[in-house]
Amino acid sequence: KKRELVAHITSGGRTNYADSVKGRFAISRD
């Protein structure tokens, strides 16, 4: 399969998730 975006986080902490992982995965950065 092709590479796909799972989750993204901006420097300000805003997040975005693929529909397939919403509610199950959580991205964070320190």
ModelCIF file with pLDDT and N, C-alpha, C, O atoms, coordinates in Angstrom:
data_MODEL
#
_entry.id   MODEL 
#
_entity.id                         1 
_entity.type                       polymer 
_entity.pdbx_number_of_molecules   1 
#
_entity_poly.entity_id                      1 
_entity_poly.type                           'polypeptide(L)' 
_entity_poly.nstd_linkage                   no 
_entity_poly.nstd_monomer                   no 
_entity_poly.pdbx_seq_one_letter_code       KKRELVAHITSGGRTNYADSVKGRFAISRD 
_entity_poly.pdbx_seq_one_letter_code_can   KKRELVAHITSGGRTNYADSVKGRFAISRD 
_entity_poly.pdbx_strand_id                 A 
#
loop_
_entity_poly_seq.entity_id 
_entity_poly_seq.num 
_entity_poly_seq.mon_id 
_entity_poly_seq.hetero 
1 1  LYS n 
1 2  LYS n 
1 3  ARG n 
1 4  GLU n 
1 5  LEU n 
1 6  VAL n 
1 7  ALA n 
1 8  HIS n 
1 9  ILE n 
1 10 THR n 
1 11 SER n 
1 12 GLY n 
1 13 GLY n 
1 14 ARG n 
1 15 THR n 
1 16 ASN n 
1 17 TYR n 
1 18 ALA n 
1 19 ASP n 
1 20 SER n 
1 21 VAL n 
1 22 LYS n 
1 23 GLY n 
1 24 ARG n 
1 25 PHE n 
1 26 ALA n 
1 27 ILE n 
1 28 SER n 
1 29 ARG n 
1 30 ASP n 
#
_struct_asym.id          A 
_struct_asym.entity_id   1 
#
loop_
_ma_qa_metric.id 
_ma_qa_metric.mode 
_ma_qa_metric.name 
_ma_qa_metric.software_group_id 
_ma_qa_metric.type 
1 global pLDDT . pLDDT 
2 local  pLDDT . pLDDT 
#
_ma_qa_metric_global.metric_id      1 
_ma_qa_metric_global.metric_value   96.30 
_ma_qa_metric_global.model_id       1 
_ma_qa_metric_global.ordinal_id     1 
#
loop_
_ma_qa_metric_local.label_asym_id 
_ma_qa_metric_local.label_comp_id 
_ma_qa_metric_local.label_seq_id 
_ma_qa_metric_local.metric_id 
_ma_qa_metric_local.metric_value 
_ma_qa_metric_local.model_id 
_ma_qa_metric_local.ordinal_id 
A LYS 1  2 96.00 1 1  
A LYS 2  2 97.00 1 2  
A ARG 3  2 98.00 1 3  
A GLU 4  2 98.00 1 4  
A LEU 5  2 98.00 1 5  
A VAL 6  2 98.00 1 6  
A ALA 7  2 98.00 1 7  
A HIS 8  2 96.00 1 8  
A ILE 9  2 96.00 1 9  
A THR 10 2 94.00 1 10 
A SER 11 2 91.00 1 11 
A GLY 12 2 92.00 1 12 
A GLY 13 2 93.00 1 13 
A ARG 14 2 96.00 1 14 
A THR 15 2 97.00 1 15 
A ASN 16 2 97.00 1 16 
A TYR 17 2 98.00 1 17 
A ALA 18 2 98.00 1 18 
A ASP 19 2 98.00 1 19 
A SER 20 2 97.00 1 20 
A VAL 21 2 98.00 1 21 
A LYS 22 2 98.00 1 22 
A GLY 23 2 98.00 1 23 
A ARG 24 2 98.00 1 24 
A PHE 25 2 98.00 1 25 
A ALA 26 2 98.00 1 26 
A ILE 27 2 98.00 1 27 
A SER 28 2 97.00 1 28 
A ARG 29 2 93.00 1 29 
A ASP 30 2 87.00 1 30 
#
loop_
_atom_site.group_PDB 
_atom_site.id 
_atom_site.type_symbol 
_atom_site.label_atom_id 
_atom_site.label_alt_id 
_atom_site.label_comp_id 
_atom_site.label_asym_id 
_atom_site.label_entity_id 
_atom_site.label_seq_id 
_atom_site.pdbx_PDB_ins_code 
_atom_site.Cartn_x 
_atom_site.Cartn_y 
_atom_site.Cartn_z 
_atom_site.occupancy 
_atom_site.B_iso_or_equiv 
_atom_site.pdbx_formal_charge 
_atom_site.auth_seq_id 
_atom_site.auth_comp_id 
_atom_site.auth_asym_id 
_atom_site.auth_atom_id 
_atom_site.pdbx_PDB_model_num 
ATOM 1   N N  . LYS A 1 1  ? 0.837   -1.209 0.000  1.00 96.00 ? 1  LYS A N  1 
ATOM 2   C CA . LYS A 1 1  ? 0.000   0.000  0.000  1.00 96.00 ? 1  LYS A CA 1 
ATOM 3   C C  . LYS A 1 1  ? 0.866   1.251  0.000  1.00 96.00 ? 1  LYS A C  1 
ATOM 4   O O  . LYS A 1 1  ? 2.062   1.203  0.286  1.00 96.00 ? 1  LYS A O  1 
ATOM 5   N N  . LYS A 1 2  ? 0.227   2.377  -0.331 1.00 97.00 ? 2  LYS A N  1 
ATOM 6   C CA . LYS A 1 2  ? 0.927   3.647  -0.332 1.00 97.00 ? 2  LYS A CA 1 
ATOM 7   C C  . LYS A 1 2  ? 1.094   4.164  1.089  1.00 97.00 ? 2  LYS A C  1 
ATOM 8   O O  . LYS A 1 2  ? 0.311   3.832  1.979  1.00 97.00 ? 2  LYS A O  1 
ATOM 9   N N  . ARG A 1 3  ? 2.126   4.982  1.290  1.00 98.00 ? 3  ARG A N  1 
ATOM 10  C CA . ARG A 1 3  ? 2.321   5.595  2.596  1.00 98.00 ? 3  ARG A CA 1 
ATOM 11  C C  . ARG A 1 3  ? 1.188   6.589  2.847  1.00 98.00 ? 3  ARG A C  1 
ATOM 12  O O  . ARG A 1 3  ? 0.799   7.336  1.950  1.00 98.00 ? 3  ARG A O  1 
ATOM 13  N N  . GLU A 1 4  ? 0.662   6.592  4.069  1.00 98.00 ? 4  GLU A N  1 
ATOM 14  C CA . GLU A 1 4  ? -0.458  7.470  4.401  1.00 98.00 ? 4  GLU A CA 1 
ATOM 15  C C  . GLU A 1 4  ? -0.189  8.210  5.703  1.00 98.00 ? 4  GLU A C  1 
ATOM 16  O O  . GLU A 1 4  ? 0.536   7.734  6.577  1.00 98.00 ? 4  GLU A O  1 
ATOM 17  N N  . LEU A 1 5  ? -0.794  9.387  5.804  1.00 98.00 ? 5  LEU A N  1 
ATOM 18  C CA . LEU A 1 5  ? -0.694  10.168 7.027  1.00 98.00 ? 5  LEU A CA 1 
ATOM 19  C C  . LEU A 1 5  ? -1.594  9.553  8.090  1.00 98.00 ? 5  LEU A C  1 
ATOM 20  O O  . LEU A 1 5  ? -2.769  9.285  7.839  1.00 98.00 ? 5  LEU A O  1 
ATOM 21  N N  . VAL A 1 6  ? -1.044  9.332  9.264  1.00 98.00 ? 6  VAL A N  1 
ATOM 22  C CA . VAL A 1 6  ? -1.805  8.806  10.396 1.00 98.00 ? 6  VAL A CA 1 
ATOM 23  C C  . VAL A 1 6  ? -2.253  9.939  11.304 1.00 98.00 ? 6  VAL A C  1 
ATOM 24  O O  . VAL A 1 6  ? -3.426  10.024 11.670 1.00 98.00 ? 6  VAL A O  1 
ATOM 25  N N  . ALA A 1 7  ? -1.318  10.810 11.668 1.00 98.00 ? 7  ALA A N  1 
ATOM 26  C CA . ALA A 1 7  ? -1.628  11.910 12.578 1.00 98.00 ? 7  ALA A CA 1 
ATOM 27  C C  . ALA A 1 7  ? -0.606  13.007 12.381 1.00 98.00 ? 7  ALA A C  1 
ATOM 28  O O  . ALA A 1 7  ? 0.541   12.754 12.013 1.00 98.00 ? 7  ALA A O  1 
ATOM 29  N N  . HIS A 1 8  ? -1.041  14.234 12.633 1.00 96.00 ? 8  HIS A N  1 
ATOM 30  C CA . HIS A 1 8  ? -0.226  15.419 12.394 1.00 96.00 ? 8  HIS A CA 1 
ATOM 31  C C  . HIS A 1 8  ? -0.422  16.355 13.569 1.00 96.00 ? 8  HIS A C  1 
ATOM 32  O O  . HIS A 1 8  ? -1.528  16.465 14.097 1.00 96.00 ? 8  HIS A O  1 
ATOM 33  N N  . ILE A 1 9  ? 0.640   17.031 13.986 1.00 96.00 ? 9  ILE A N  1 
ATOM 34  C CA . ILE A 1 9  ? 0.536   18.020 15.050 1.00 96.00 ? 9  ILE A CA 1 
ATOM 35  C C  . ILE A 1 9  ? 1.357   19.237 14.666 1.00 96.00 ? 9  ILE A C  1 
ATOM 36  O O  . ILE A 1 9  ? 2.496   19.114 14.216 1.00 96.00 ? 9  ILE A O  1 
ATOM 37  N N  . THR A 1 10 ? 0.770   20.416 14.848 1.00 94.00 ? 10 THR A N  1 
ATOM 38  C CA . THR A 1 10 ? 1.472   21.646 14.550 1.00 94.00 ? 10 THR A CA 1 
ATOM 39  C C  . THR A 1 10 ? 2.337   22.064 15.739 1.00 94.00 ? 10 THR A C  1 
ATOM 40  O O  . THR A 1 10 ? 2.258   21.470 16.815 1.00 94.00 ? 10 THR A O  1 
ATOM 41  N N  . SER A 1 11 ? 3.157   23.084 15.534 1.00 91.00 ? 11 SER A N  1 
ATOM 42  C CA . SER A 1 11 ? 3.981   23.575 16.632 1.00 91.00 ? 11 SER A CA 1 
ATOM 43  C C  . SER A 1 11 ? 3.117   24.151 17.747 1.00 91.00 ? 11 SER A C  1 
ATOM 44  O O  . SER A 1 11 ? 3.539   24.203 18.902 1.00 91.00 ? 11 SER A O  1 
ATOM 45  N N  . GLY A 1 12 ? 1.903   24.584 17.398 1.00 92.00 ? 12 GLY A N  1 
ATOM 46  C CA . GLY A 1 12 ? 0.980   25.118 18.392 1.00 92.00 ? 12 GLY A CA 1 
ATOM 47  C C  . GLY A 1 12 ? 0.140   24.065 19.084 1.00 92.00 ? 12 GLY A C  1 
ATOM 48  O O  . GLY A 1 12 ? -0.652  24.378 19.973 1.00 92.00 ? 12 GLY A O  1 
ATOM 49  N N  . GLY A 1 13 ? 0.314   22.803 18.674 1.00 93.00 ? 13 GLY A N  1 
ATOM 50  C CA . GLY A 1 13 ? -0.402  21.720 19.341 1.00 93.00 ? 13 GLY A CA 1 
ATOM 51  C C  . GLY A 1 13 ? -1.700  21.300 18.677 1.00 93.00 ? 13 GLY A C  1 
ATOM 52  O O  . GLY A 1 13 ? -2.415  20.446 19.201 1.00 93.00 ? 13 GLY A O  1 
ATOM 53  N N  . ARG A 1 14 ? -2.014  21.887 17.530 1.00 96.00 ? 14 ARG A N  1 
ATOM 54  C CA . ARG A 1 14 ? -3.240  21.481 16.842 1.00 96.00 ? 14 ARG A CA 1 
ATOM 55  C C  . ARG A 1 14 ? -3.014  20.131 16.179 1.00 96.00 ? 14 ARG A C  1 
ATOM 56  O O  . ARG A 1 14 ? -1.963  19.894 15.584 1.00 96.00 ? 14 ARG A O  1 
ATOM 57  N N  . THR A 1 15 ? -3.997  19.249 16.282 1.00 97.00 ? 15 THR A N  1 
ATOM 58  C CA . THR A 1 15 ? -3.826  17.879 15.780 1.00 97.00 ? 15 THR A CA 1 
ATOM 59  C C  . THR A 1 15 ? -4.840  17.547 14.695 1.00 97.00 ? 15 THR A C  1 
ATOM 60  O O  . THR A 1 15 ? -5.900  18.163 14.584 1.00 97.00 ? 15 THR A O  1 
ATOM 61  N N  . ASN A 1 16 ? -4.473  16.554 13.904 1.00 97.00 ? 16 ASN A N  1 
ATOM 62  C CA . ASN A 1 16 ? -5.324  16.069 12.834 1.00 97.00 ? 16 ASN A CA 1 
ATOM 63  C C  . ASN A 1 16 ? -5.058  14.569 12.698 1.00 97.00 ? 16 ASN A C  1 
ATOM 64  O O  . ASN A 1 16 ? -3.910  14.130 12.764 1.00 97.00 ? 16 ASN A O  1 
ATOM 65  N N  . TYR A 1 17 ? -6.131  13.781 12.506 1.00 98.00 ? 17 TYR A N  1 
ATOM 66  C CA . TYR A 1 17 ? -5.992  12.330 12.440 1.00 98.00 ? 17 TYR A CA 1 
ATOM 67  C C  . TYR A 1 17 ? -6.666  11.754 11.203 1.00 98.00 ? 17 TYR A C  1 
ATOM 68  O O  . TYR A 1 17 ? -7.648  12.297 10.698 1.00 98.00 ? 17 TYR A O  1 
ATOM 69  N N  . ALA A 1 18 ? -6.122  10.655 10.735 1.00 98.00 ? 18 ALA A N  1 
ATOM 70  C CA . ALA A 1 18 ? -6.816  9.886  9.704  1.00 98.00 ? 18 ALA A CA 1 
ATOM 71  C C  . ALA A 1 18 ? -8.098  9.328  10.320 1.00 98.00 ? 18 ALA A C  1 
ATOM 72  O O  . ALA A 1 18 ? -8.134  8.987  11.503 1.00 98.00 ? 18 ALA A O  1 
ATOM 73  N N  . ASP A 1 19 ? -9.143  9.239  9.506  1.00 98.00 ? 19 ASP A N  1 
ATOM 74  C CA . ASP A 1 19 ? -10.429 8.750  10.021 1.00 98.00 ? 19 ASP A CA 1 
ATOM 75  C C  . ASP A 1 19 ? -10.284 7.359  10.641 1.00 98.00 ? 19 ASP A C  1 
ATOM 76  O O  . ASP A 1 19 ? -10.972 7.032  11.608 1.00 98.00 ? 19 ASP A O  1 
ATOM 77  N N  . SER A 1 20 ? -9.397  6.551  10.087 1.00 97.00 ? 20 SER A N  1 
ATOM 78  C CA . SER A 1 20 ? -9.272  5.172  10.539 1.00 97.00 ? 20 SER A CA 1 
ATOM 79  C C  . SER A 1 20 ? -8.698  5.036  11.946 1.00 97.00 ? 20 SER A C  1 
ATOM 80  O O  . SER A 1 20 ? -8.802  3.972  12.556 1.00 97.00 ? 20 SER A O  1 
ATOM 81  N N  . VAL A 1 21 ? -8.088  6.114  12.471 1.00 98.00 ? 21 VAL A N  1 
ATOM 82  C CA . VAL A 1 21 ? -7.473  6.019  13.803 1.00 98.00 ? 21 VAL A CA 1 
ATOM 83  C C  . VAL A 1 21 ? -8.093  6.978  14.810 1.00 98.00 ? 21 VAL A C  1 
ATOM 84  O O  . VAL A 1 21 ? -7.708  6.974  15.979 1.00 98.00 ? 21 VAL A O  1 
ATOM 85  N N  . LYS A 1 22 ? -9.033  7.788  14.381 1.00 98.00 ? 22 LYS A N  1 
ATOM 86  C CA . LYS A 1 22 ? -9.667  8.751  15.295 1.00 98.00 ? 22 LYS A CA 1 
ATOM 87  C C  . LYS A 1 22 ? -10.286 8.025  16.482 1.00 98.00 ? 22 LYS A C  1 
ATOM 88  O O  . LYS A 1 22 ? -10.973 7.016  16.324 1.00 98.00 ? 22 LYS A O  1 
ATOM 89  N N  . GLY A 1 23 ? -10.029 8.556  17.665 1.00 98.00 ? 23 GLY A N  1 
ATOM 90  C CA . GLY A 1 23 ? -10.578 7.961  18.879 1.00 98.00 ? 23 GLY A CA 1 
ATOM 91  C C  . GLY A 1 23 ? -9.733  6.837  19.449 1.00 98.00 ? 23 GLY A C  1 
ATOM 92  O O  . GLY A 1 23 ? -9.967  6.394  20.574 1.00 98.00 ? 23 GLY A O  1 
ATOM 93  N N  . ARG A 1 24 ? -8.748  6.367  18.681 1.00 98.00 ? 24 ARG A N  1 
ATOM 94  C CA . ARG A 1 24 ? -7.882  5.282  19.158 1.00 98.00 ? 24 ARG A CA 1 
ATOM 95  C C  . ARG A 1 24 ? -6.431  5.732  19.331 1.00 98.00 ? 24 ARG A C  1 
ATOM 96  O O  . ARG A 1 24 ? -5.739  5.265  20.236 1.00 98.00 ? 24 ARG A O  1 
ATOM 97  N N  . PHE A 1 25 ? -5.971  6.631  18.471 1.00 98.00 ? 25 PHE A N  1 
ATOM 98  C CA . PHE A 1 25 ? -4.583  7.094  18.504 1.00 98.00 ? 25 PHE A CA 1 
ATOM 99  C C  . PHE A 1 25 ? -4.533  8.528  19.014 1.00 98.00 ? 25 PHE A C  1 
ATOM 100 O O  . PHE A 1 25 ? -5.478  9.297  18.837 1.00 98.00 ? 25 PHE A O  1 
ATOM 101 N N  . ALA A 1 26 ? -3.417  8.875  19.650 1.00 98.00 ? 26 ALA A N  1 
ATOM 102 C CA . ALA A 1 26 ? -3.203  10.237 20.120 1.00 98.00 ? 26 ALA A CA 1 
ATOM 103 C C  . ALA A 1 26 ? -1.761  10.640 19.861 1.00 98.00 ? 26 ALA A C  1 
ATOM 104 O O  . ALA A 1 26 ? -0.825  9.960  20.279 1.00 98.00 ? 26 ALA A O  1 
ATOM 105 N N  . ILE A 1 27 ? -1.601  11.757 19.164 1.00 98.00 ? 27 ILE A N  1 
ATOM 106 C CA . ILE A 1 27 ? -0.273  12.279 18.865 1.00 98.00 ? 27 ILE A CA 1 
ATOM 107 C C  . ILE A 1 27 ? 0.058   13.392 19.850 1.00 98.00 ? 27 ILE A C  1 
ATOM 108 O O  . ILE A 1 27 ? -0.821  14.154 20.251 1.00 98.00 ? 27 ILE A O  1 
ATOM 109 N N  . SER A 1 28 ? 1.315   13.482 20.235 1.00 97.00 ? 28 SER A N  1 
ATOM 110 C CA . SER A 1 28 ? 1.744   14.555 21.131 1.00 97.00 ? 28 SER A CA 1 
ATOM 111 C C  . SER A 1 28 ? 3.216   14.856 20.855 1.00 97.00 ? 28 SER A C  1 
ATOM 112 O O  . SER A 1 28 ? 3.941   14.054 20.266 1.00 97.00 ? 28 SER A O  1 
ATOM 113 N N  . ARG A 1 29 ? 3.622   16.023 21.297 1.00 93.00 ? 29 ARG A N  1 
ATOM 114 C CA . ARG A 1 29 ? 5.020   16.418 21.164 1.00 93.00 ? 29 ARG A CA 1 
ATOM 115 C C  . ARG A 1 29 ? 5.390   17.233 22.380 1.00 93.00 ? 29 ARG A C  1 
ATOM 116 O O  . ARG A 1 29 ? 4.545   17.950 22.916 1.00 93.00 ? 29 ARG A O  1 
ATOM 117 N N  . ASP A 1 30 ? 6.618   17.146 22.829 1.00 87.00 ? 30 ASP A N  1 
ATOM 118 C CA . ASP A 1 30 ? 6.998   17.970 23.974 1.00 87.00 ? 30 ASP A CA 1 
ATOM 119 C C  . ASP A 1 30 ? 7.965   19.076 23.584 1.00 87.00 ? 30 ASP A C  1 
ATOM 120 O O  . ASP A 1 30 ? 8.383   19.860 24.436 1.00 87.00 ? 30 ASP A O  1 
#
